[in-house]
Every structure is written in structure tokens, then in C-alpha cells.
Amino acid sequence: MRLLDDEDMRRCVSAERAMLHGLQGHCNSPIAGHARLERDGRLSLRGMVFTRDGAEFVHSHEWSGPNEGESLGAYVAGDLLRKGAGDLLGGISR
């Protein structure tokens, strides 16, 4: 299985999953996350949380070192919650 591993992709997925976990997201959650390694080597994570109809949203975009995906994801989740993501997600049923 190691032949199928992509280290850069693993770093990105780590950040996205940590953000989703921090927001307690599930399959019905209107949450978007996109991580990527920038040309300068930093890891970038853009996260958004929406109301179901998309009329309201909160957004966060932060950067970290390339090996700090989990902490970056946790930070972006916390930033989204500080901006009101919990209220937006509160009305969404599982």
C-alpha cells in the first residue's frame, strides 16, 4: 500500500479532516474545506460553513507549516466557530 501513498495529499487530508472533526461535521453538514500545499511550501486551509440554503456563511483561511495539518485544521475549525459556525450548524439535523 505504500506505493499508493502521496505524502502531500496526506498532509492536506489531515488538515481537512481535523477541521471537520473540530466542527463535529457529518454527512449532512454544509461544510466545505480545501487544503493545498502552496508554492512556498506552506500548507493552506480554506474552510466555510453555510446555512442549508446557502444564504449565510462564515469563512476562514489560514496557513501553517507543511507538517502541521492537524493543528491547522483545529485552528480553522475554532476560527469558524468563533465566527458563528455553531449557530449555522445548529439547525441541521443528522
PDB file of N, CA and C in Angstrom:
ATOM      1  N   MET A   1       0.803  -1.201   0.000  1.00  0.00           N
ATOM      2  CA  MET A   1       0.000   0.000   0.000  1.00  0.00           C
ATOM      3  C   MET A   1       0.852   1.275   0.000  1.00  0.00           C
ATOM      4  N   ARG A   2       2.060   1.211   0.462  1.00  0.00           N
ATOM      5  CA  ARG A   2       2.904   2.411   0.477  1.00  0.00           C
ATOM      6  C   ARG A   2       3.088   2.999  -0.915  1.00  0.00           C
ATOM      7  N   LEU A   3       3.012   2.164  -1.937  1.00  0.00           N
ATOM      8  CA  LEU A   3       3.167   2.661  -3.296  1.00  0.00           C
ATOM      9  C   LEU A   3       2.042   3.618  -3.668  1.00  0.00           C
ATOM     10  N   LEU A   4       0.917   3.506  -2.996  1.00  0.00           N
ATOM     11  CA  LEU A   4      -0.228   4.349  -3.291  1.00  0.00           C
ATOM     12  C   LEU A   4      -0.275   5.604  -2.426  1.00  0.00           C
ATOM     13  N   ASP A   5       0.639   5.742  -1.495  1.00  0.00           N
ATOM     14  CA  ASP A   5       0.646   6.883  -0.587  1.00  0.00           C
ATOM     15  C   ASP A   5       1.237   8.106  -1.268  1.00  0.00           C
ATOM     16  N   ASP A   6       0.591   9.236  -1.059  1.00  0.00           N
ATOM     17  CA  ASP A   6       1.102  10.518  -1.551  1.00  0.00           C
ATOM     18  C   ASP A   6       1.233  11.433  -0.339  1.00  0.00           C
ATOM     19  N   GLU A   7       2.447  11.723   0.047  1.00  0.00           N
ATOM     20  CA  GLU A   7       2.714  12.480   1.271  1.00  0.00           C
ATOM     21  C   GLU A   7       2.035  13.858   1.268  1.00  0.00           C
ATOM     22  N   ASP A   8       2.097  14.567   0.167  1.00  0.00           N
ATOM     23  CA  ASP A   8       1.471  15.888   0.099  1.00  0.00           C
ATOM     24  C   ASP A   8      -0.041  15.793   0.269  1.00  0.00           C
ATOM     25  N   MET A   9      -0.650  14.815  -0.386  1.00  0.00           N
ATOM     26  CA  MET A   9      -2.095  14.634  -0.267  1.00  0.00           C
ATOM     27  C   MET A   9      -2.463  14.265   1.166  1.00  0.00           C
ATOM     28  N   ARG A  10      -1.649  13.426   1.801  1.00  0.00           N
ATOM     29  CA  ARG A  10      -1.910  13.037   3.188  1.00  0.00           C
ATOM     30  C   ARG A  10      -1.889  14.266   4.097  1.00  0.00           C
ATOM     31  N   ARG A  11      -0.981  15.192   3.863  1.00  0.00           N
ATOM     32  CA  ARG A  11      -0.912  16.416   4.656  1.00  0.00           C
ATOM     33  C   ARG A  11      -2.187  17.241   4.490  1.00  0.00           C
ATOM     34  N   CYS A  12      -2.655  17.355   3.271  1.00  0.00           N
ATOM     35  CA  CYS A  12      -3.865  18.130   3.002  1.00  0.00           C
ATOM     36  C   CYS A  12      -5.092  17.476   3.638  1.00  0.00           C
ATOM     37  N   VAL A  13      -5.221  16.184   3.453  1.00  0.00           N
ATOM     38  CA  VAL A  13      -6.366  15.462   4.010  1.00  0.00           C
ATOM     39  C   VAL A  13      -6.363  15.541   5.535  1.00  0.00           C
ATOM     40  N   SER A  14      -5.197  15.516   6.137  1.00  0.00           N
ATOM     41  CA  SER A  14      -5.082  15.624   7.586  1.00  0.00           C
ATOM     42  C   SER A  14      -5.680  16.949   8.079  1.00  0.00           C
ATOM     43  N   ALA A  15      -5.381  18.028   7.384  1.00  0.00           N
ATOM     44  CA  ALA A  15      -5.912  19.342   7.765  1.00  0.00           C
ATOM     45  C   ALA A  15      -7.419  19.401   7.584  1.00  0.00           C
ATOM     46  N   GLU A  16      -7.913  18.900   6.459  1.00  0.00           N
ATOM     47  CA  GLU A  16      -9.353  18.937   6.185  1.00  0.00           C
ATOM     48  C   GLU A  16     -10.127  18.090   7.195  1.00  0.00           C
ATOM     49  N   ARG A  17      -9.615  16.915   7.504  1.00  0.00           N
ATOM     50  CA  ARG A  17     -10.301  16.040   8.462  1.00  0.00           C
ATOM     51  C   ARG A  17     -10.292  16.624   9.868  1.00  0.00           C
ATOM     52  N   ALA A  18      -9.194  17.250  10.252  1.00  0.00           N
ATOM     53  CA  ALA A  18      -9.129  17.864  11.584  1.00  0.00           C
ATOM     54  C   ALA A  18     -10.139  19.009  11.688  1.00  0.00           C
ATOM     55  N   MET A  19     -10.301  19.775  10.620  1.00  0.00           N
ATOM     56  CA  MET A  19     -11.296  20.848  10.624  1.00  0.00           C
ATOM     57  C   MET A  19     -12.705  20.268  10.762  1.00  0.00           C
ATOM     58  N   LEU A  20     -13.010  19.250   9.974  1.00  0.00           N
ATOM     59  CA  LEU A  20     -14.326  18.616  10.032  1.00  0.00           C
ATOM     60  C   LEU A  20     -14.597  18.046  11.413  1.00  0.00           C
ATOM     61  N   HIS A  21     -13.599  17.410  11.999  1.00  0.00           N
ATOM     62  CA  HIS A  21     -13.741  16.851  13.346  1.00  0.00           C
ATOM     63  C   HIS A  21     -13.993  17.967  14.366  1.00  0.00           C
ATOM     64  N   GLY A  22     -13.266  19.065  14.269  1.00  0.00           N
ATOM     65  CA  GLY A  22     -13.435  20.181  15.195  1.00  0.00           C
ATOM     66  C   GLY A  22     -14.814  20.824  15.103  1.00  0.00           C
ATOM     67  N   LEU A  23     -15.428  20.731  13.938  1.00  0.00           N
ATOM     68  CA  LEU A  23     -16.772  21.284  13.739  1.00  0.00           C
ATOM     69  C   LEU A  23     -17.855  20.246  14.018  1.00  0.00           C
ATOM     70  N   GLN A  24     -17.447  19.023  14.340  1.00  0.00           N
ATOM     71  CA  GLN A  24     -18.358  17.908  14.567  1.00  0.00           C
ATOM     72  C   GLN A  24     -19.268  17.708  13.360  1.00  0.00           C
ATOM     73  N   GLY A  25     -18.662  17.807  12.187  1.00  0.00           N
ATOM     74  CA  GLY A  25     -19.411  17.658  10.947  1.00  0.00           C
ATOM     75  C   GLY A  25     -19.785  16.222  10.669  1.00  0.00           C
ATOM     76  N   HIS A  26     -20.825  16.062   9.874  1.00  0.00           N
ATOM     77  CA  HIS A  26     -21.295  14.744   9.454  1.00  0.00           C
ATOM     78  C   HIS A  26     -21.723  14.839   7.993  1.00  0.00           C
ATOM     79  N   CYS A  27     -22.288  13.791   7.450  1.00  0.00           N
ATOM     80  CA  CYS A  27     -22.572  13.751   6.010  1.00  0.00           C
ATOM     81  C   CYS A  27     -23.632  14.763   5.573  1.00  0.00           C
ATOM     82  N   ASN A  28     -24.430  15.289   6.490  1.00  0.00           N
ATOM     83  CA  ASN A  28     -25.440  16.291   6.136  1.00  0.00           C
ATOM     84  C   ASN A  28     -24.994  17.712   6.446  1.00  0.00           C
ATOM     85  N   SER A  29     -23.764  17.880   6.886  1.00  0.00           N
ATOM     86  CA  SER A  29     -23.267  19.198   7.282  1.00  0.00           C
ATOM     87  C   SER A  29     -22.864  20.021   6.065  1.00  0.00           C
ATOM     88  N   PRO A  30     -23.346  21.247   5.965  1.00  0.00           N
ATOM     89  CA  PRO A  30     -22.923  22.115   4.858  1.00  0.00           C
ATOM     90  C   PRO A  30     -21.579  22.779   5.175  1.00  0.00           C
ATOM     91  N   ILE A  31     -20.534  21.966   5.103  1.00  0.00           N
ATOM     92  CA  ILE A  31     -19.172  22.397   5.430  1.00  0.00           C
ATOM     93  C   ILE A  31     -18.296  22.158   4.206  1.00  0.00           C
ATOM     94  N   ALA A  32     -17.459  23.135   3.908  1.00  0.00           N
ATOM     95  CA  ALA A  32     -16.505  22.984   2.807  1.00  0.00           C
ATOM     96  C   ALA A  32     -15.098  23.202   3.355  1.00  0.00           C
ATOM     97  N   GLY A  33     -14.175  22.384   2.917  1.00  0.00           N
ATOM     98  CA  GLY A  33     -12.779  22.551   3.297  1.00  0.00           C
ATOM     99  C   GLY A  33     -11.883  22.232   2.115  1.00  0.00           C
ATOM    100  N   HIS A  34     -10.875  23.048   1.924  1.00  0.00           N
ATOM    101  CA  HIS A  34      -9.933  22.789   0.835  1.00  0.00           C
ATOM    102  C   HIS A  34      -8.527  23.133   1.316  1.00  0.00           C
ATOM    103  N   ALA A  35      -7.689  22.110   1.385  1.00  0.00           N
ATOM    104  CA  ALA A  35      -6.288  22.297   1.780  1.00  0.00           C
ATOM    105  C   ALA A  35      -5.403  22.087   0.569  1.00  0.00           C
ATOM    106  N   ARG A  36      -4.290  22.814   0.554  1.00  0.00           N
ATOM    107  CA  ARG A  36      -3.319  22.647  -0.523  1.00  0.00           C
ATOM    108  C   ARG A  36      -1.958  23.109  -0.056  1.00  0.00           C
ATOM    109  N   LEU A  37      -0.941  22.548  -0.658  1.00  0.00           N
ATOM    110  CA  LEU A  37       0.418  22.998  -0.401  1.00  0.00           C
ATOM    111  C   LEU A  37       0.719  24.130  -1.370  1.00  0.00           C
ATOM    112  N   GLU A  38       1.105  25.252  -0.821  1.00  0.00           N
ATOM    113  CA  GLU A  38       1.400  26.427  -1.639  1.00  0.00           C
ATOM    114  C   GLU A  38       2.796  26.300  -2.249  1.00  0.00           C
ATOM    115  N   ARG A  39       3.090  27.111  -3.216  1.00  0.00           N
ATOM    116  CA  ARG A  39       4.397  27.072  -3.874  1.00  0.00           C
ATOM    117  C   ARG A  39       5.539  27.361  -2.911  1.00  0.00           C
ATOM    118  N   ASP A  40       5.254  28.154  -1.861  1.00  0.00           N
ATOM    119  CA  ASP A  40       6.304  28.477  -0.893  1.00  0.00           C
ATOM    120  C   ASP A  40       6.483  27.385   0.162  1.00  0.00           C
ATOM    121  N   GLY A  41       5.728  26.279   0.037  1.00  0.00           N
ATOM    122  CA  GLY A  41       5.866  25.151   0.949  1.00  0.00           C
ATOM    123  C   GLY A  41       4.897  25.148   2.110  1.00  0.00           C
ATOM    124  N   ARG A  42       4.192  26.254   2.324  1.00  0.00           N
ATOM    125  CA  ARG A  42       3.230  26.293   3.426  1.00  0.00           C
ATOM    126  C   ARG A  42       1.968  25.516   3.057  1.00  0.00           C
ATOM    127  N   LEU A  43       1.288  25.036   4.094  1.00  0.00           N
ATOM    128  CA  LEU A  43       0.011  24.355   3.940  1.00  0.00           C
ATOM    129  C   LEU A  43      -1.096  25.383   4.146  1.00  0.00           C
ATOM    130  N   SER A  44      -2.017  25.444   3.220  1.00  0.00           N
ATOM    131  CA  SER A  44      -3.119  26.396   3.247  1.00  0.00           C
ATOM    132  C   SER A  44      -4.418  25.631   3.473  1.00  0.00           C
ATOM    133  N   LEU A  45      -5.297  26.159   4.329  1.00  0.00           N
ATOM    134  CA  LEU A  45      -6.613  25.549   4.528  1.00  0.00           C
ATOM    135  C   LEU A  45      -7.671  26.632   4.506  1.00  0.00           C
ATOM    136  N   ARG A  46      -8.610  26.479   3.591  1.00  0.00           N
ATOM    137  CA  ARG A  46      -9.757  27.373   3.480  1.00  0.00           C
ATOM    138  C   ARG A  46     -10.976  26.572   3.931  1.00  0.00           C
ATOM    139  N   GLY A  47     -11.720  27.110   4.895  1.00  0.00           N
ATOM    140  CA  GLY A  47     -12.904  26.434   5.394  1.00  0.00           C
ATOM    141  C   GLY A  47     -14.111  27.349   5.362  1.00  0.00           C
ATOM    142  N   MET A  48     -15.278  26.761   5.120  1.00  0.00           N
ATOM    143  CA  MET A  48     -16.530  27.510   5.105  1.00  0.00           C
ATOM    144  C   MET A  48     -17.631  26.653   5.704  1.00  0.00           C
ATOM    145  N   VAL A  49     -18.562  27.332   6.368  1.00  0.00           N
ATOM    146  CA  VAL A  49     -19.760  26.685   6.888  1.00  0.00           C
ATOM    147  C   VAL A  49     -20.948  27.521   6.422  1.00  0.00           C
ATOM    148  N   PHE A  50     -21.977  26.850   5.929  1.00  0.00           N
ATOM    149  CA  PHE A  50     -23.142  27.508   5.340  1.00  0.00           C
ATOM    150  C   PHE A  50     -24.421  27.137   6.075  1.00  0.00           C
ATOM    151  N   THR A  51     -25.439  27.970   5.918  1.00  0.00           N
ATOM    152  CA  THR A  51     -26.789  27.534   6.254  1.00  0.00           C
ATOM    153  C   THR A  51     -27.212  26.586   5.132  1.00  0.00           C
ATOM    154  N   ARG A  52     -28.240  25.800   5.373  1.00  0.00           N
ATOM    155  CA  ARG A  52     -28.661  24.818   4.372  1.00  0.00           C
ATOM    156  C   ARG A  52     -28.997  25.480   3.033  1.00  0.00           C
ATOM    157  N   ASP A  53     -29.602  26.678   3.063  1.00  0.00           N
ATOM    158  CA  ASP A  53     -29.966  27.352   1.816  1.00  0.00           C
ATOM    159  C   ASP A  53     -28.819  28.186   1.233  1.00  0.00           C
ATOM    160  N   GLY A  54     -27.707  28.267   1.938  1.00  0.00           N
ATOM    161  CA  GLY A  54     -26.543  28.997   1.451  1.00  0.00           C
ATOM    162  C   GLY A  54     -26.631  30.506   1.596  1.00  0.00           C
ATOM    163  N   ALA A  55     -27.694  30.985   2.234  1.00  0.00           N
ATOM    164  CA  ALA A  55     -27.897  32.430   2.368  1.00  0.00           C
ATOM    165  C   ALA A  55     -26.893  33.068   3.325  1.00  0.00           C
ATOM    166  N   GLU A  56     -26.417  32.308   4.302  1.00  0.00           N
ATOM    167  CA  GLU A  56     -25.444  32.819   5.268  1.00  0.00           C
ATOM    168  C   GLU A  56     -24.268  31.852   5.318  1.00  0.00           C
ATOM    169  N   PHE A  57     -23.095  32.404   5.602  1.00  0.00           N
ATOM    170  CA  PHE A  57     -21.918  31.553   5.718  1.00  0.00           C
ATOM    171  C   PHE A  57     -20.852  32.280   6.533  1.00  0.00           C
ATOM    172  N   VAL A  58     -19.903  31.495   7.028  1.00  0.00           N
ATOM    173  CA  VAL A  58     -18.693  32.026   7.646  1.00  0.00           C
ATOM    174  C   VAL A  58     -17.515  31.390   6.924  1.00  0.00           C
ATOM    175  N   HIS A  59     -16.396  32.097   6.912  1.00  0.00           N
ATOM    176  CA  HIS A  59     -15.238  31.683   6.136  1.00  0.00           C
ATOM    177  C   HIS A  59     -13.966  31.890   6.954  1.00  0.00           C
ATOM    178  N   SER A  60     -12.994  31.012   6.760  1.00  0.00           N
ATOM    179  CA  SER A  60     -11.683  31.164   7.379  1.00  0.00           C
ATOM    180  C   SER A  60     -10.637  30.641   6.404  1.00  0.00           C
ATOM    181  N   HIS A  61      -9.491  31.306   6.368  1.00  0.00           N
ATOM    182  CA  HIS A  61      -8.387  30.857   5.515  1.00  0.00           C
ATOM    183  C   HIS A  61      -7.095  31.125   6.275  1.00  0.00           C
ATOM    184  N   GLU A  62      -6.353  30.071   6.565  1.00  0.00           N
ATOM    185  CA  GLU A  62      -5.120  30.183   7.342  1.00  0.00           C
ATOM    186  C   GLU A  62      -4.039  29.312   6.725  1.00  0.00           C
ATOM    187  N   TRP A  63      -2.804  29.517   7.183  1.00  0.00           N
ATOM    188  CA  TRP A  63      -1.643  28.801   6.679  1.00  0.00           C
ATOM    189  C   TRP A  63      -0.827  28.263   7.853  1.00  0.00           C
ATOM    190  N   SER A  64      -0.059  27.216   7.581  1.00  0.00           N
ATOM    191  CA  SER A  64       0.849  26.652   8.587  1.00  0.00           C
ATOM    192  C   SER A  64       2.025  26.012   7.875  1.00  0.00           C
ATOM    193  N   GLY A  65       2.917  25.454   8.673  1.00  0.00           N
ATOM    194  CA  GLY A  65       3.995  24.665   8.101  1.00  0.00           C
ATOM    195  C   GLY A  65       3.424  23.409   7.473  1.00  0.00           C
ATOM    196  N   PRO A  66       4.137  22.786   6.571  1.00  0.00           N
ATOM    197  CA  PRO A  66       3.605  21.640   5.833  1.00  0.00           C
ATOM    198  C   PRO A  66       3.305  20.408   6.679  1.00  0.00           C
ATOM    199  N   ASN A  67       3.903  20.308   7.849  1.00  0.00           N
ATOM    200  CA  ASN A  67       3.679  19.140   8.708  1.00  0.00           C
ATOM    201  C   ASN A  67       2.760  19.440   9.881  1.00  0.00           C
ATOM    202  N   GLU A  68       2.007  20.509   9.802  1.00  0.00           N
ATOM    203  CA  GLU A  68       1.146  20.932  10.912  1.00  0.00           C
ATOM    204  C   GLU A  68      -0.333  20.908  10.525  1.00  0.00           C
ATOM    205  N   GLY A  69      -0.718  19.938   9.688  1.00  0.00           N
ATOM    206  CA  GLY A  69      -2.083  19.869   9.187  1.00  0.00           C
ATOM    207  C   GLY A  69      -3.138  19.729  10.261  1.00  0.00           C
ATOM    208  N   GLU A  70      -2.892  18.875  11.236  1.00  0.00           N
ATOM    209  CA  GLU A  70      -3.896  18.667  12.282  1.00  0.00           C
ATOM    210  C   GLU A  70      -4.113  19.927  13.105  1.00  0.00           C
ATOM    211  N   SER A  71      -3.046  20.612  13.465  1.00  0.00           N
ATOM    212  CA  SER A  71      -3.206  21.836  14.246  1.00  0.00           C
ATOM    213  C   SER A  71      -3.821  22.945  13.390  1.00  0.00           C
ATOM    214  N   LEU A  72      -3.496  22.985  12.107  1.00  0.00           N
ATOM    215  CA  LEU A  72      -4.113  23.963  11.211  1.00  0.00           C
ATOM    216  C   LEU A  72      -5.613  23.716  11.109  1.00  0.00           C
ATOM    217  N   GLY A  73      -6.000  22.472  10.937  1.00  0.00           N
ATOM    218  CA  GLY A  73      -7.425  22.131  10.862  1.00  0.00           C
ATOM    219  C   GLY A  73      -8.164  22.494  12.131  1.00  0.00           C
ATOM    220  N   ALA A  74      -7.554  22.222  13.274  1.00  0.00           N
ATOM    221  CA  ALA A  74      -8.173  22.573  14.556  1.00  0.00           C
ATOM    222  C   ALA A  74      -8.308  24.082  14.697  1.00  0.00           C
ATOM    223  N   TYR A  75      -7.287  24.816  14.262  1.00  0.00           N
ATOM    224  CA  TYR A  75      -7.342  26.275  14.353  1.00  0.00           C
ATOM    225  C   TYR A  75      -8.445  26.846  13.464  1.00  0.00           C
ATOM    226  N   VAL A  76      -8.532  26.368  12.229  1.00  0.00           N
ATOM    227  CA  VAL A  76      -9.568  26.866  11.309  1.00  0.00           C
ATOM    228  C   VAL A  76     -10.953  26.522  11.846  1.00  0.00           C
ATOM    229  N   ALA A  77     -11.134  25.329  12.395  1.00  0.00           N
ATOM    230  CA  ALA A  77     -12.425  24.969  12.990  1.00  0.00           C
ATOM    231  C   ALA A  77     -12.765  25.930  14.123  1.00  0.00           C
ATOM    232  N   GLY A  78     -11.804  26.210  14.992  1.00  0.00           N
ATOM    233  CA  GLY A  78     -12.039  27.146  16.095  1.00  0.00           C
ATOM    234  C   GLY A  78     -12.371  28.533  15.604  1.00  0.00           C
ATOM    235  N   ASP A  79     -11.689  28.986  14.555  1.00  0.00           N
ATOM    236  CA  ASP A  79     -11.958  30.297  13.984  1.00  0.00           C
ATOM    237  C   ASP A  79     -13.377  30.352  13.414  1.00  0.00           C
ATOM    238  N   LEU A  80     -13.779  29.294  12.717  1.00  0.00           N
ATOM    239  CA  LEU A  80     -15.138  29.245  12.176  1.00  0.00           C
ATOM    240  C   LEU A  80     -16.175  29.258  13.293  1.00  0.00           C
ATOM    241  N   LEU A  81     -15.914  28.533  14.362  1.00  0.00           N
ATOM    242  CA  LEU A  81     -16.846  28.526  15.499  1.00  0.00           C
ATOM    243  C   LEU A  81     -16.923  29.902  16.148  1.00  0.00           C
ATOM    244  N   ARG A  82     -15.790  30.584  16.279  1.00  0.00           N
ATOM    245  CA  ARG A  82     -15.794  31.944  16.839  1.00  0.00           C
ATOM    246  C   ARG A  82     -16.591  32.901  15.959  1.00  0.00           C
ATOM    247  N   LYS A  83     -16.645  32.613  14.681  1.00  0.00           N
ATOM    248  CA  LYS A  83     -17.372  33.466  13.736  1.00  0.00           C
ATOM    249  C   LYS A  83     -18.846  33.094  13.591  1.00  0.00           C
ATOM    250  N   GLY A  84     -19.295  32.066  14.319  1.00  0.00           N
ATOM    251  CA  GLY A  84     -20.712  31.718  14.312  1.00  0.00           C
ATOM    252  C   GLY A  84     -21.092  30.433  13.625  1.00  0.00           C
ATOM    253  N   ALA A  85     -20.120  29.593  13.255  1.00  0.00           N
ATOM    254  CA  ALA A  85     -20.426  28.351  12.570  1.00  0.00           C
ATOM    255  C   ALA A  85     -21.336  27.447  13.392  1.00  0.00           C
ATOM    256  N   GLY A  86     -21.188  27.456  14.711  1.00  0.00           N
ATOM    257  CA  GLY A  86     -22.026  26.615  15.549  1.00  0.00           C
ATOM    258  C   GLY A  86     -23.498  26.962  15.413  1.00  0.00           C
ATOM    259  N   ASP A  87     -23.790  28.247  15.309  1.00  0.00           N
ATOM    260  CA  ASP A  87     -25.181  28.675  15.137  1.00  0.00           C
ATOM    261  C   ASP A  87     -25.713  28.245  13.783  1.00  0.00           C
ATOM    262  N   LEU A  88     -24.886  28.335  12.745  1.00  0.00           N
ATOM    263  CA  LEU A  88     -25.317  27.934  11.417  1.00  0.00           C
ATOM    264  C   LEU A  88     -25.567  26.419  11.353  1.00  0.00           C
ATOM    265  N   LEU A  89     -24.734  25.664  12.028  1.00  0.00           N
ATOM    266  CA  LEU A  89     -24.862  24.201  12.010  1.00  0.00           C
ATOM    267  C   LEU A  89     -25.923  23.696  12.986  1.00  0.00           C
ATOM    268  N   GLY A  90     -26.301  24.522  13.941  1.00  0.00           N
ATOM    269  CA  GLY A  90     -27.247  24.103  14.976  1.00  0.00           C
ATOM    270  C   GLY A  90     -28.594  23.656  14.445  1.00  0.00           C
ATOM    271  N   GLY A  91     -29.023  24.208  13.348  1.00  0.00           N
ATOM    272  CA  GLY A  91     -30.329  23.859  12.800  1.00  0.00           C
ATOM    273  C   GLY A  91     -30.315  22.691  11.834  1.00  0.00           C
ATOM    274  N   ILE A  92     -29.162  22.105  11.628  1.00  0.00           N
ATOM    275  CA  ILE A  92     -29.053  20.986  10.667  1.00  0.00           C
ATOM    276  C   ILE A  92     -29.208  19.681  11.419  1.00  0.00           C
ATOM    277  N   SER A  93     -30.154  18.842  10.967  1.00  0.00           N
ATOM    278  CA  SER A  93     -30.359  17.553  11.636  1.00  0.00           C
ATOM    279  C   SER A  93     -29.456  16.500  11.027  1.00  0.00           C
ATOM    280  N   ARG A  94     -29.177  15.510  11.822  1.00  0.00           N
ATOM    281  CA  ARG A  94     -28.337  14.394  11.359  1.00  0.00           C
ATOM    282  C   ARG A  94     -29.151  13.498  10.511  1.00  0.00           C
TER     283      ARG A  94
END
